[in-house]
Structures are given as C-alpha cells and as structure tokens.
Amino acid sequence: MPIAAILLVLLAGVGLAVQAPTNAALARTSGSVLLAALVSFIVGSIVLALAWAAIDRTSLAALRGAPVWAWVGGLYGACFVAAMAFAAPRLGLATTLTVAIATQLATAHFGLLGLKVAPISLWKVAGVVLVLAGVVLVRRG
C-alpha cells in the first residue's frame, strides 16, 4: 500500500471533519451559509494558487482538452461545503459526516464520470447499511 497516499487521505479526513464546524462558525457569525462557503473557497483558492505557483506551474493550456463536465467540479465542492456548514450545527458533526460518507460510499460504485465501476456485492451493501445504522446510533447516543 502506498503509505504516502494513506497518510495524505488521513490528514484530508481530519481537514474534512474540522471544515464543517469551521464553516458553520463563519455562517453563524455572518448569518449566511453562502457567505461562509464563499470565504472558505476564496481562502482555499488562494492557498491552491500559491501552492501551484510555488510547486507545480503546469501550464493553464493543459486544461484545453478537459471534457465540459470536468469544469463543474467546483460546483460540487461549493454545494458540499455549503451543505456541511448548514447541516453540521443542526445534525451534529458526527451525523453530518457519517451521512456524507455513507452517500459517498454508495455513489462510488456507479462508475460515474469515467471511474471504474465497482461491482455491488452483498458485503458492500451490508457495509453501507452498517454505516447508515451508525448514523442512527450516533444520533441516539
């Protein structure tokens, strides 16, 4: 297993867990979930631009061959960030993250947008059901 990829995903998971309450605090302070999400994306865009300029510098021309649907990835991210900022204070962070993860696991098997189709098995369905059962347990606990 590529340990660097696993460590990176572990750190990203921590970031995902703290992003929702961070953005929820911005939303609570400003009174606007959309403004909170916008600030989150502006800060993230600045960080990415600086990292790209310092480390990568791939030519912008490389994007010319991207399919049209590839340009809407930011839309998904914006909707996700706004939804998480809205839901976290209402559902609790554990429930919000568990529902998000369960839907990601379920969606991952459809081979959307050119990804490899992952055959659905009884074990995989049981895993998603157990994650959703975890939502119920977390909400009751």
N, C-alpha and C. Protein backbone atom coordinates (compact mmCIF):
# COMPACT_ATOMS: atom_id res chain seq x y z
N MET A 1 0.84 -1.20 0.00
CA MET A 1 0.00 0.00 0.00
C MET A 1 0.88 1.25 0.00
N PRO A 2 0.53 2.21 -0.81
CA PRO A 2 1.30 3.45 -0.82
C PRO A 2 1.02 4.26 0.44
N ILE A 3 1.96 4.24 1.36
CA ILE A 3 1.78 4.87 2.67
C ILE A 3 1.57 6.38 2.57
N ALA A 4 2.25 7.03 1.62
CA ALA A 4 2.09 8.48 1.48
C ALA A 4 0.65 8.84 1.14
N ALA A 5 0.02 8.06 0.26
CA ALA A 5 -1.37 8.33 -0.12
C ALA A 5 -2.29 8.12 1.07
N ILE A 6 -2.05 7.08 1.84
CA ILE A 6 -2.88 6.81 3.02
C ILE A 6 -2.74 7.94 4.04
N LEU A 7 -1.51 8.38 4.29
CA LEU A 7 -1.30 9.47 5.24
C LEU A 7 -1.95 10.76 4.77
N LEU A 8 -1.86 11.02 3.47
CA LEU A 8 -2.49 12.22 2.90
C LEU A 8 -4.01 12.18 3.08
N VAL A 9 -4.60 11.01 2.83
CA VAL A 9 -6.05 10.87 2.99
C VAL A 9 -6.45 10.98 4.46
N LEU A 10 -5.63 10.45 5.35
CA LEU A 10 -5.91 10.59 6.79
C LEU A 10 -5.92 12.06 7.19
N LEU A 11 -4.94 12.80 6.73
CA LEU A 11 -4.91 14.24 7.02
C LEU A 11 -6.09 14.96 6.38
N ALA A 12 -6.44 14.57 5.17
CA ALA A 12 -7.60 15.18 4.50
C ALA A 12 -8.88 14.87 5.28
N GLY A 13 -8.97 13.68 5.83
CA GLY A 13 -10.14 13.31 6.64
C GLY A 13 -10.27 14.20 7.87
N VAL A 14 -9.15 14.48 8.50
CA VAL A 14 -9.17 15.40 9.65
C VAL A 14 -9.62 16.78 9.18
N GLY A 15 -9.09 17.20 8.03
CA GLY A 15 -9.50 18.50 7.48
C GLY A 15 -10.98 18.56 7.18
N LEU A 16 -11.52 17.47 6.64
CA LEU A 16 -12.95 17.42 6.35
C LEU A 16 -13.76 17.51 7.63
N ALA A 17 -13.28 16.84 8.67
CA ALA A 17 -14.01 16.86 9.94
C ALA A 17 -14.02 18.25 10.58
N VAL A 18 -12.93 19.00 10.45
CA VAL A 18 -12.90 20.33 11.06
C VAL A 18 -13.41 21.42 10.13
N GLN A 19 -13.54 21.11 8.83
CA GLN A 19 -14.04 22.11 7.89
C GLN A 19 -15.50 22.47 8.18
N ALA A 20 -16.33 21.47 8.44
CA ALA A 20 -17.76 21.75 8.66
C ALA A 20 -17.99 22.66 9.86
N PRO A 21 -17.41 22.39 11.03
CA PRO A 21 -17.64 23.31 12.15
C PRO A 21 -16.98 24.67 11.94
N THR A 22 -15.85 24.70 11.22
CA THR A 22 -15.20 25.97 10.92
C THR A 22 -16.12 26.84 10.06
N ASN A 23 -16.65 26.24 8.99
CA ASN A 23 -17.56 26.99 8.12
C ASN A 23 -18.88 27.31 8.81
N ALA A 24 -19.32 26.41 9.69
CA ALA A 24 -20.55 26.68 10.45
C ALA A 24 -20.35 27.89 11.36
N ALA A 25 -19.15 28.03 11.93
CA ALA A 25 -18.87 29.20 12.77
C ALA A 25 -18.91 30.48 11.95
N LEU A 26 -18.35 30.43 10.73
CA LEU A 26 -18.44 31.58 9.83
C LEU A 26 -19.90 31.90 9.49
N ALA A 27 -20.67 30.85 9.23
CA ALA A 27 -22.09 31.04 8.89
C ALA A 27 -22.86 31.62 10.08
N ARG A 28 -22.57 31.12 11.26
CA ARG A 28 -23.24 31.61 12.47
C ARG A 28 -22.89 33.08 12.70
N THR A 29 -21.61 33.43 12.55
CA THR A 29 -21.17 34.80 12.76
C THR A 29 -21.75 35.76 11.73
N SER A 30 -21.73 35.34 10.47
CA SER A 30 -22.18 36.23 9.40
C SER A 30 -23.69 36.16 9.18
N GLY A 31 -24.30 35.04 9.57
CA GLY A 31 -25.71 34.85 9.31
C GLY A 31 -25.98 34.29 7.92
N SER A 32 -24.91 33.87 7.22
CA SER A 32 -25.08 33.40 5.85
C SER A 32 -24.22 32.16 5.59
N VAL A 33 -24.89 31.05 5.28
CA VAL A 33 -24.18 29.83 4.90
C VAL A 33 -23.42 30.06 3.59
N LEU A 34 -24.03 30.78 2.67
CA LEU A 34 -23.40 31.01 1.37
C LEU A 34 -22.15 31.89 1.49
N LEU A 35 -22.20 32.91 2.33
CA LEU A 35 -21.02 33.75 2.54
C LEU A 35 -19.90 32.93 3.18
N ALA A 36 -20.26 32.07 4.13
CA ALA A 36 -19.27 31.22 4.77
C ALA A 36 -18.60 30.29 3.76
N ALA A 37 -19.40 29.69 2.89
CA ALA A 37 -18.85 28.81 1.86
C ALA A 37 -17.98 29.60 0.89
N LEU A 38 -18.40 30.80 0.54
CA LEU A 38 -17.61 31.65 -0.36
C LEU A 38 -16.25 31.97 0.25
N VAL A 39 -16.23 32.35 1.51
CA VAL A 39 -14.97 32.65 2.19
C VAL A 39 -14.08 31.41 2.21
N SER A 40 -14.68 30.26 2.49
CA SER A 40 -13.93 29.01 2.51
C SER A 40 -13.27 28.76 1.15
N PHE A 41 -14.02 28.97 0.07
CA PHE A 41 -13.48 28.73 -1.26
C PHE A 41 -12.46 29.78 -1.66
N ILE A 42 -12.64 31.01 -1.24
CA ILE A 42 -11.65 32.05 -1.55
C ILE A 42 -10.33 31.72 -0.87
N VAL A 43 -10.38 31.39 0.43
CA VAL A 43 -9.15 31.04 1.15
C VAL A 43 -8.51 29.80 0.54
N GLY A 44 -9.32 28.79 0.25
CA GLY A 44 -8.78 27.58 -0.37
C GLY A 44 -8.19 27.85 -1.73
N SER A 45 -8.83 28.71 -2.51
CA SER A 45 -8.32 29.04 -3.84
C SER A 45 -7.00 29.78 -3.75
N ILE A 46 -6.87 30.67 -2.79
CA ILE A 46 -5.60 31.38 -2.61
C ILE A 46 -4.49 30.41 -2.23
N VAL A 47 -4.77 29.50 -1.31
CA VAL A 47 -3.78 28.50 -0.90
C VAL A 47 -3.37 27.63 -2.09
N LEU A 48 -4.35 27.17 -2.86
CA LEU A 48 -4.05 26.34 -4.03
C LEU A 48 -3.26 27.12 -5.08
N ALA A 49 -3.61 28.37 -5.31
CA ALA A 49 -2.88 29.18 -6.29
C ALA A 49 -1.43 29.36 -5.88
N LEU A 50 -1.21 29.61 -4.60
CA LEU A 50 0.16 29.76 -4.10
C LEU A 50 0.94 28.46 -4.22
N ALA A 51 0.30 27.34 -3.88
CA ALA A 51 0.96 26.03 -3.98
C ALA A 51 1.27 25.71 -5.44
N TRP A 52 0.32 25.98 -6.33
CA TRP A 52 0.54 25.73 -7.77
C TRP A 52 1.71 26.58 -8.27
N ALA A 53 1.73 27.84 -7.90
CA ALA A 53 2.79 28.74 -8.36
C ALA A 53 4.15 28.35 -7.80
N ALA A 54 4.17 27.85 -6.57
CA ALA A 54 5.44 27.51 -5.93
C ALA A 54 5.94 26.12 -6.29
N ILE A 55 5.04 25.18 -6.55
CA ILE A 55 5.44 23.78 -6.68
C ILE A 55 5.23 23.23 -8.08
N ASP A 56 4.11 23.51 -8.69
CA ASP A 56 3.68 22.79 -9.89
C ASP A 56 3.91 23.58 -11.18
N ARG A 57 3.22 24.65 -11.35
CA ARG A 57 3.28 25.53 -12.52
C ARG A 57 2.93 24.84 -13.84
N THR A 58 2.08 23.83 -13.79
CA THR A 58 1.58 23.25 -15.04
C THR A 58 0.90 24.35 -15.83
N SER A 59 1.12 24.37 -17.11
CA SER A 59 0.55 25.41 -17.97
C SER A 59 -0.98 25.34 -17.95
N LEU A 60 -1.61 26.49 -17.90
CA LEU A 60 -3.06 26.55 -17.96
C LEU A 60 -3.58 25.99 -19.28
N ALA A 61 -2.77 26.01 -20.31
CA ALA A 61 -3.16 25.47 -21.61
C ALA A 61 -3.44 23.97 -21.53
N ALA A 62 -2.91 23.30 -20.52
CA ALA A 62 -3.14 21.86 -20.36
C ALA A 62 -4.61 21.56 -20.11
N LEU A 63 -5.38 22.54 -19.70
CA LEU A 63 -6.80 22.35 -19.41
C LEU A 63 -7.68 22.36 -20.67
N ARG A 64 -7.13 22.75 -21.79
CA ARG A 64 -7.92 22.86 -23.02
C ARG A 64 -8.61 21.56 -23.40
N GLY A 65 -7.99 20.44 -23.14
CA GLY A 65 -8.56 19.16 -23.55
C GLY A 65 -9.53 18.56 -22.55
N ALA A 66 -9.80 19.25 -21.46
CA ALA A 66 -10.70 18.70 -20.43
C ALA A 66 -12.14 18.64 -20.95
N PRO A 67 -12.85 17.55 -20.64
CA PRO A 67 -14.26 17.49 -21.05
C PRO A 67 -15.08 18.57 -20.34
N VAL A 68 -16.17 18.95 -20.94
CA VAL A 68 -17.01 20.03 -20.39
C VAL A 68 -17.43 19.73 -18.95
N TRP A 69 -17.81 18.48 -18.69
CA TRP A 69 -18.28 18.15 -17.34
C TRP A 69 -17.19 18.27 -16.29
N ALA A 70 -15.93 18.23 -16.69
CA ALA A 70 -14.83 18.34 -15.73
C ALA A 70 -14.73 19.74 -15.12
N TRP A 71 -15.32 20.72 -15.78
CA TRP A 71 -15.25 22.10 -15.30
C TRP A 71 -16.22 22.38 -14.16
N VAL A 72 -17.14 21.48 -13.87
CA VAL A 72 -18.12 21.74 -12.81
C VAL A 72 -17.76 21.11 -11.47
N GLY A 73 -16.55 20.60 -11.34
CA GLY A 73 -16.12 20.01 -10.07
C GLY A 73 -16.23 20.99 -8.91
N GLY A 74 -15.92 22.25 -9.17
CA GLY A 74 -16.03 23.27 -8.13
C GLY A 74 -17.47 23.46 -7.66
N LEU A 75 -18.42 23.23 -8.57
CA LEU A 75 -19.83 23.33 -8.21
C LEU A 75 -20.17 22.29 -7.14
N TYR A 76 -19.70 21.06 -7.36
CA TYR A 76 -19.97 20.00 -6.36
C TYR A 76 -19.34 20.38 -5.02
N GLY A 77 -18.11 20.86 -5.09
CA GLY A 77 -17.43 21.24 -3.85
C GLY A 77 -18.13 22.37 -3.13
N ALA A 78 -18.58 23.38 -3.89
CA ALA A 78 -19.28 24.51 -3.29
C ALA A 78 -20.58 24.06 -2.62
N CYS A 79 -21.32 23.22 -3.30
CA CYS A 79 -22.57 22.70 -2.73
C CYS A 79 -22.29 21.87 -1.49
N PHE A 80 -21.24 21.06 -1.54
CA PHE A 80 -20.88 20.22 -0.40
C PHE A 80 -20.49 21.08 0.81
N VAL A 81 -19.64 22.07 0.59
CA VAL A 81 -19.19 22.93 1.69
C VAL A 81 -20.38 23.68 2.30
N ALA A 82 -21.25 24.22 1.44
CA ALA A 82 -22.42 24.94 1.96
C ALA A 82 -23.36 24.00 2.71
N ALA A 83 -23.58 22.81 2.17
CA ALA A 83 -24.46 21.84 2.84
C ALA A 83 -23.89 21.41 4.18
N MET A 84 -22.59 21.20 4.24
CA MET A 84 -21.97 20.80 5.51
C MET A 84 -22.04 21.92 6.54
N ALA A 85 -21.82 23.16 6.10
CA ALA A 85 -21.92 24.30 7.01
C ALA A 85 -23.33 24.46 7.54
N PHE A 86 -24.31 24.16 6.70
CA PHE A 86 -25.72 24.23 7.10
C PHE A 86 -26.08 23.08 8.03
N ALA A 87 -25.67 21.86 7.68
CA ALA A 87 -26.12 20.67 8.39
C ALA A 87 -25.40 20.43 9.72
N ALA A 88 -24.12 20.72 9.79
CA ALA A 88 -23.34 20.38 10.99
C ALA A 88 -23.94 20.92 12.29
N PRO A 89 -24.34 22.20 12.35
CA PRO A 89 -24.91 22.68 13.61
C PRO A 89 -26.32 22.14 13.87
N ARG A 90 -26.99 21.66 12.85
CA ARG A 90 -28.35 21.17 13.01
C ARG A 90 -28.40 19.67 13.31
N LEU A 91 -27.50 18.91 12.70
CA LEU A 91 -27.50 17.45 12.88
C LEU A 91 -26.41 16.98 13.83
N GLY A 92 -25.41 17.82 14.04
CA GLY A 92 -24.22 17.40 14.78
C GLY A 92 -23.17 16.95 13.77
N LEU A 93 -21.92 17.13 14.13
CA LEU A 93 -20.84 16.84 13.20
C LEU A 93 -20.75 15.35 12.87
N ALA A 94 -20.86 14.50 13.86
CA ALA A 94 -20.73 13.05 13.60
C ALA A 94 -21.81 12.56 12.65
N THR A 95 -23.04 12.98 12.86
CA THR A 95 -24.13 12.56 11.98
C THR A 95 -23.92 13.11 10.57
N THR A 96 -23.57 14.38 10.48
CA THR A 96 -23.36 15.01 9.17
C THR A 96 -22.27 14.28 8.40
N LEU A 97 -21.14 14.03 9.04
CA LEU A 97 -20.04 13.34 8.36
C LEU A 97 -20.40 11.91 8.00
N THR A 98 -21.12 11.23 8.88
CA THR A 98 -21.49 9.84 8.61
C THR A 98 -22.44 9.74 7.43
N VAL A 99 -23.41 10.64 7.35
CA VAL A 99 -24.33 10.64 6.20
C VAL A 99 -23.56 10.94 4.92
N ALA A 100 -22.66 11.91 4.97
CA ALA A 100 -21.86 12.25 3.79
C ALA A 100 -21.01 11.06 3.34
N ILE A 101 -20.38 10.39 4.27
CA ILE A 101 -19.54 9.24 3.94
C ILE A 101 -20.38 8.10 3.39
N ALA A 102 -21.52 7.85 3.98
CA ALA A 102 -22.40 6.77 3.50
C ALA A 102 -22.83 7.03 2.06
N THR A 103 -23.19 8.27 1.75
CA THR A 103 -23.62 8.57 0.38
C THR A 103 -22.44 8.50 -0.59
N GLN A 104 -21.26 8.88 -0.13
CA GLN A 104 -20.07 8.76 -0.98
C GLN A 104 -19.76 7.30 -1.27
N LEU A 105 -19.86 6.45 -0.26
CA LEU A 105 -19.62 5.02 -0.46
C LEU A 105 -20.63 4.42 -1.43
N ALA A 106 -21.89 4.79 -1.27
CA ALA A 106 -22.94 4.25 -2.15
C ALA A 106 -22.74 4.74 -3.58
N THR A 107 -22.41 6.00 -3.75
CA THR A 107 -22.24 6.59 -5.07
C THR A 107 -20.99 6.07 -5.78
N ALA A 108 -19.98 5.72 -5.03
CA ALA A 108 -18.70 5.30 -5.59
C ALA A 108 -18.80 4.05 -6.47
N HIS A 109 -19.86 3.30 -6.35
CA HIS A 109 -19.98 2.04 -7.08
C HIS A 109 -20.60 2.17 -8.46
N PHE A 110 -20.98 3.38 -8.85
CA PHE A 110 -21.69 3.54 -10.12
C PHE A 110 -20.78 3.85 -11.31
N GLY A 111 -19.50 4.05 -11.07
CA GLY A 111 -18.58 4.33 -12.17
C GLY A 111 -18.87 5.65 -12.86
N LEU A 112 -19.27 6.64 -12.10
CA LEU A 112 -19.62 7.94 -12.68
C LEU A 112 -18.40 8.63 -13.27
N LEU A 113 -18.62 9.37 -14.33
CA LEU A 113 -17.63 10.25 -14.95
C LEU A 113 -16.32 9.55 -15.28
N GLY A 114 -16.44 8.34 -15.77
CA GLY A 114 -15.26 7.62 -16.25
C GLY A 114 -14.51 6.81 -15.21
N LEU A 115 -14.97 6.81 -13.97
CA LEU A 115 -14.31 5.99 -12.96
C LEU A 115 -14.68 4.53 -13.14
N LYS A 116 -13.85 3.68 -12.62
CA LYS A 116 -14.08 2.24 -12.73
C LYS A 116 -15.34 1.85 -11.96
N VAL A 117 -16.18 1.07 -12.60
CA VAL A 117 -17.39 0.56 -11.94
C VAL A 117 -16.96 -0.48 -10.92
N ALA A 118 -17.45 -0.32 -9.71
CA ALA A 118 -17.15 -1.29 -8.65
C ALA A 118 -18.38 -2.17 -8.48
N PRO A 119 -18.29 -3.44 -8.81
CA PRO A 119 -19.46 -4.31 -8.69
C PRO A 119 -20.03 -4.29 -7.27
N ILE A 120 -21.34 -4.23 -7.20
CA ILE A 120 -22.01 -4.23 -5.90
C ILE A 120 -22.14 -5.67 -5.43
N SER A 121 -21.79 -5.87 -4.17
CA SER A 121 -21.90 -7.20 -3.58
C SER A 121 -22.70 -7.08 -2.29
N LEU A 122 -23.12 -8.20 -1.79
CA LEU A 122 -23.85 -8.22 -0.52
C LEU A 122 -23.01 -7.60 0.59
N TRP A 123 -21.71 -7.86 0.59
CA TRP A 123 -20.82 -7.32 1.62
C TRP A 123 -20.74 -5.80 1.54
N LYS A 124 -20.69 -5.27 0.32
CA LYS A 124 -20.62 -3.81 0.16
C LYS A 124 -21.93 -3.15 0.58
N VAL A 125 -23.04 -3.75 0.20
CA VAL A 125 -24.35 -3.23 0.62
C VAL A 125 -24.45 -3.27 2.14
N ALA A 126 -24.02 -4.38 2.73
CA ALA A 126 -24.05 -4.51 4.19
C ALA A 126 -23.17 -3.43 4.84
N GLY A 127 -22.03 -3.14 4.22
CA GLY A 127 -21.15 -2.11 4.77
C GLY A 127 -21.81 -0.74 4.78
N VAL A 128 -22.47 -0.38 3.69
CA VAL A 128 -23.16 0.91 3.62
C VAL A 128 -24.32 0.94 4.60
N VAL A 129 -25.06 -0.17 4.70
CA VAL A 129 -26.17 -0.25 5.65
C VAL A 129 -25.64 -0.08 7.08
N LEU A 130 -24.50 -0.68 7.38
CA LEU A 130 -23.92 -0.53 8.71
C LEU A 130 -23.48 0.91 8.98
N VAL A 131 -22.96 1.57 7.96
CA VAL A 131 -22.60 2.98 8.13
C VAL A 131 -23.86 3.80 8.42
N LEU A 132 -24.93 3.54 7.68
CA LEU A 132 -26.19 4.25 7.92
C LEU A 132 -26.77 3.90 9.29
N ALA A 133 -26.63 2.64 9.70
CA ALA A 133 -27.05 2.27 11.06
C ALA A 133 -26.22 3.04 12.08
N GLY A 134 -24.97 3.29 11.75
CA GLY A 134 -24.13 4.10 12.61
C GLY A 134 -24.67 5.50 12.78
N VAL A 135 -25.29 6.05 11.73
CA VAL A 135 -25.92 7.37 11.83
C VAL A 135 -27.00 7.34 12.90
N VAL A 136 -27.82 6.30 12.86
CA VAL A 136 -28.91 6.17 13.84
C VAL A 136 -28.32 6.07 15.24
N LEU A 137 -27.30 5.23 15.40
CA LEU A 137 -26.69 5.06 16.71
C LEU A 137 -26.03 6.34 17.22
N VAL A 138 -25.36 7.05 16.32
CA VAL A 138 -24.73 8.31 16.71
C VAL A 138 -25.78 9.33 17.12
N ARG A 139 -26.88 9.39 16.37
CA ARG A 139 -27.95 10.35 16.70
C ARG A 139 -28.61 10.03 18.04
N ARG A 140 -28.73 8.76 18.38
CA ARG A 140 -29.38 8.37 19.63
C ARG A 140 -28.44 8.45 20.82
N GLY A 141 -27.13 8.35 20.54
CA GLY A 141 -26.13 8.31 21.61
C GLY A 141 -25.87 9.64 22.17
